[in-house]
Amino acid sequence: MEISMPQFIERVTMTYSTTNWEKMAQFERDFTDCEDSLGNIPRKKWLRPFSSPQSLMSTQWEREWASLSEMEAAGGKMEASEEHTKIRKSMGSSGILNSFHSITTPLNKNFDFLGFAARIWLK
């Protein structure tokens, strides 16, 4: 049996106040519904830190990609989607979180993802 490993792991850490948990969770449900409707966008895996440099009021999600071109194609779909843009702008202006974006390979090599993230989030 052969095990396939992803080539890239996109990881986002979001820190928020306890009073904003439900709002943040609703934004993520909206993103999931939208991204599912766009097709070919892997679902996020959710993690809560127990022992890490992040606050206990943080949530991390990861998404696995076979290639950077696959990720960029999905990013293009998200950018072009009016629904995704509406959710993104609403979340960005809500003041409930800040986020850190990175891509990590299985060999723990980090790639600068800020340009891609800024292009998506600031539109």
Protein backbone atom coordinates (compact mmCIF):
# COMPACT_ATOMS: atom_id res chain seq x y z
CA MET A 1 0.00 0.00 0.00
CA GLU A 2 1.42 3.35 -1.04
CA ILE A 3 0.76 6.42 1.09
CA SER A 4 0.53 9.73 -0.71
CA MET A 5 1.77 12.83 1.11
CA PRO A 6 0.70 16.33 0.15
CA GLN A 7 3.38 18.49 -1.39
CA PHE A 8 2.19 21.65 0.36
CA ILE A 9 0.24 22.37 3.51
CA GLU A 10 -1.40 25.77 3.82
CA ARG A 11 -1.78 26.69 7.48
CA VAL A 12 -3.68 29.65 8.92
CA THR A 13 -3.76 30.57 12.60
CA MET A 14 -6.56 32.83 13.76
CA THR A 15 -6.63 34.47 17.17
CA TYR A 16 -9.88 35.89 18.48
CA SER A 17 -11.60 36.83 21.73
CA THR A 18 -13.97 34.37 23.39
CA THR A 19 -16.90 36.66 22.65
CA ASN A 20 -16.25 36.26 18.91
CA TRP A 21 -16.10 32.45 18.67
CA GLU A 22 -19.61 32.06 17.23
CA LYS A 23 -19.07 34.85 14.69
CA MET A 24 -15.79 33.32 13.54
CA ALA A 25 -17.33 29.86 13.32
CA GLN A 26 -20.19 31.21 11.18
CA PHE A 27 -17.75 32.91 8.78
CA GLU A 28 -15.92 29.60 8.39
CA ARG A 29 -19.17 27.71 7.75
CA ASP A 30 -19.96 30.29 5.06
CA PHE A 31 -16.49 29.89 3.52
CA THR A 32 -16.85 26.10 3.52
CA ASP A 33 -20.23 26.22 1.77
CA CYS A 34 -18.91 28.68 -0.81
CA GLU A 35 -15.65 26.79 -1.44
CA ASP A 36 -17.53 23.48 -1.78
CA SER A 37 -19.75 25.07 -4.43
CA LEU A 38 -16.68 26.30 -6.37
CA GLY A 39 -15.33 22.74 -6.64
CA ASN A 40 -11.80 21.30 -6.47
CA ILE A 41 -10.90 23.15 -3.26
CA PRO A 42 -9.79 20.78 -0.50
CA ARG A 43 -11.62 21.05 2.79
CA LYS A 44 -9.87 22.56 5.80
CA LYS A 45 -8.74 20.47 8.76
CA TRP A 46 -9.39 22.25 12.06
CA LEU A 47 -6.97 22.25 15.01
CA ARG A 48 -7.08 23.89 18.43
CA PRO A 49 -3.71 24.47 20.14
CA PHE A 50 -3.16 22.84 23.49
CA SER A 51 0.55 23.38 23.88
CA SER A 52 1.93 25.86 21.37
CA PRO A 53 3.20 29.42 21.06
CA GLN A 54 -0.33 30.44 20.02
CA SER A 55 -2.97 31.55 22.48
CA LEU A 56 -5.58 29.08 23.67
CA MET A 57 -7.99 31.45 21.94
CA SER A 58 -6.56 30.46 18.58
CA THR A 59 -7.75 28.12 15.91
CA GLN A 60 -5.59 26.71 13.16
CA TRP A 61 -6.75 25.23 9.95
CA GLU A 62 -4.72 23.38 7.36
CA ARG A 63 -5.42 22.57 3.76
CA GLU A 64 -3.32 20.14 1.71
CA TRP A 65 -2.28 20.88 -1.87
CA ALA A 66 -0.56 18.70 -4.46
CA SER A 67 1.14 21.76 -6.01
CA LEU A 68 1.39 25.51 -5.77
CA SER A 69 -0.30 25.80 -9.16
CA GLU A 70 -3.30 23.86 -7.81
CA MET A 71 -3.46 26.25 -4.86
CA GLU A 72 -3.17 29.31 -7.09
CA ALA A 73 -5.92 28.01 -9.40
CA ALA A 74 -8.21 27.58 -6.39
CA GLY A 75 -7.21 31.06 -5.20
CA GLY A 76 -8.21 32.41 -8.61
CA LYS A 77 -11.64 30.79 -8.25
CA MET A 78 -12.05 32.31 -4.81
CA GLU A 79 -10.98 35.75 -6.05
CA ALA A 80 -13.45 35.56 -8.93
CA SER A 81 -16.34 34.48 -6.72
CA GLU A 82 -18.62 37.32 -5.67
CA GLU A 83 -19.89 35.26 -2.74
CA HIS A 84 -16.36 34.48 -1.48
CA THR A 85 -15.36 38.13 -1.84
CA LYS A 86 -18.42 39.23 0.13
CA ILE A 87 -17.65 36.79 2.98
CA ARG A 88 -13.94 37.74 2.95
CA LYS A 89 -14.65 41.48 3.10
CA SER A 90 -17.24 41.04 5.83
CA MET A 91 -14.84 38.94 7.91
CA GLY A 92 -11.95 41.32 7.28
CA SER A 93 -13.92 44.35 8.43
CA SER A 94 -15.50 42.60 11.43
CA GLY A 95 -12.44 43.13 13.65
CA ILE A 96 -12.78 39.65 15.16
CA LEU A 97 -9.40 38.21 14.24
CA ASN A 98 -5.95 38.56 12.85
CA SER A 99 -4.25 35.83 10.88
CA PHE A 100 -0.87 34.51 9.86
CA HIS A 101 -0.53 32.63 6.59
CA SER A 102 2.17 30.18 5.62
CA ILE A 103 2.72 27.23 3.33
CA THR A 104 4.78 24.34 4.65
CA THR A 105 6.07 21.37 2.70
CA PRO A 106 6.27 17.95 4.36
CA LEU A 107 10.00 18.66 4.65
CA ASN A 108 9.24 21.75 6.78
CA LYS A 109 10.42 24.22 4.17
CA ASN A 110 8.40 27.41 4.49
CA PHE A 111 7.36 29.50 1.50
CA ASP A 112 6.49 33.17 1.57
CA PHE A 113 2.73 33.17 1.28
CA LEU A 114 2.07 36.74 2.32
CA GLY A 115 1.88 38.03 -1.24
CA PHE A 116 -0.73 35.44 -2.18
CA ALA A 117 -2.65 35.94 1.07
CA ALA A 118 -2.60 39.72 0.72
CA ARG A 119 -3.83 39.47 -2.85
CA ILE A 120 -6.77 37.29 -1.75
CA TRP A 121 -7.67 39.02 1.53
CA LEU A 122 -7.26 42.64 0.55
CA LYS A 123 -9.36 42.60 -2.60
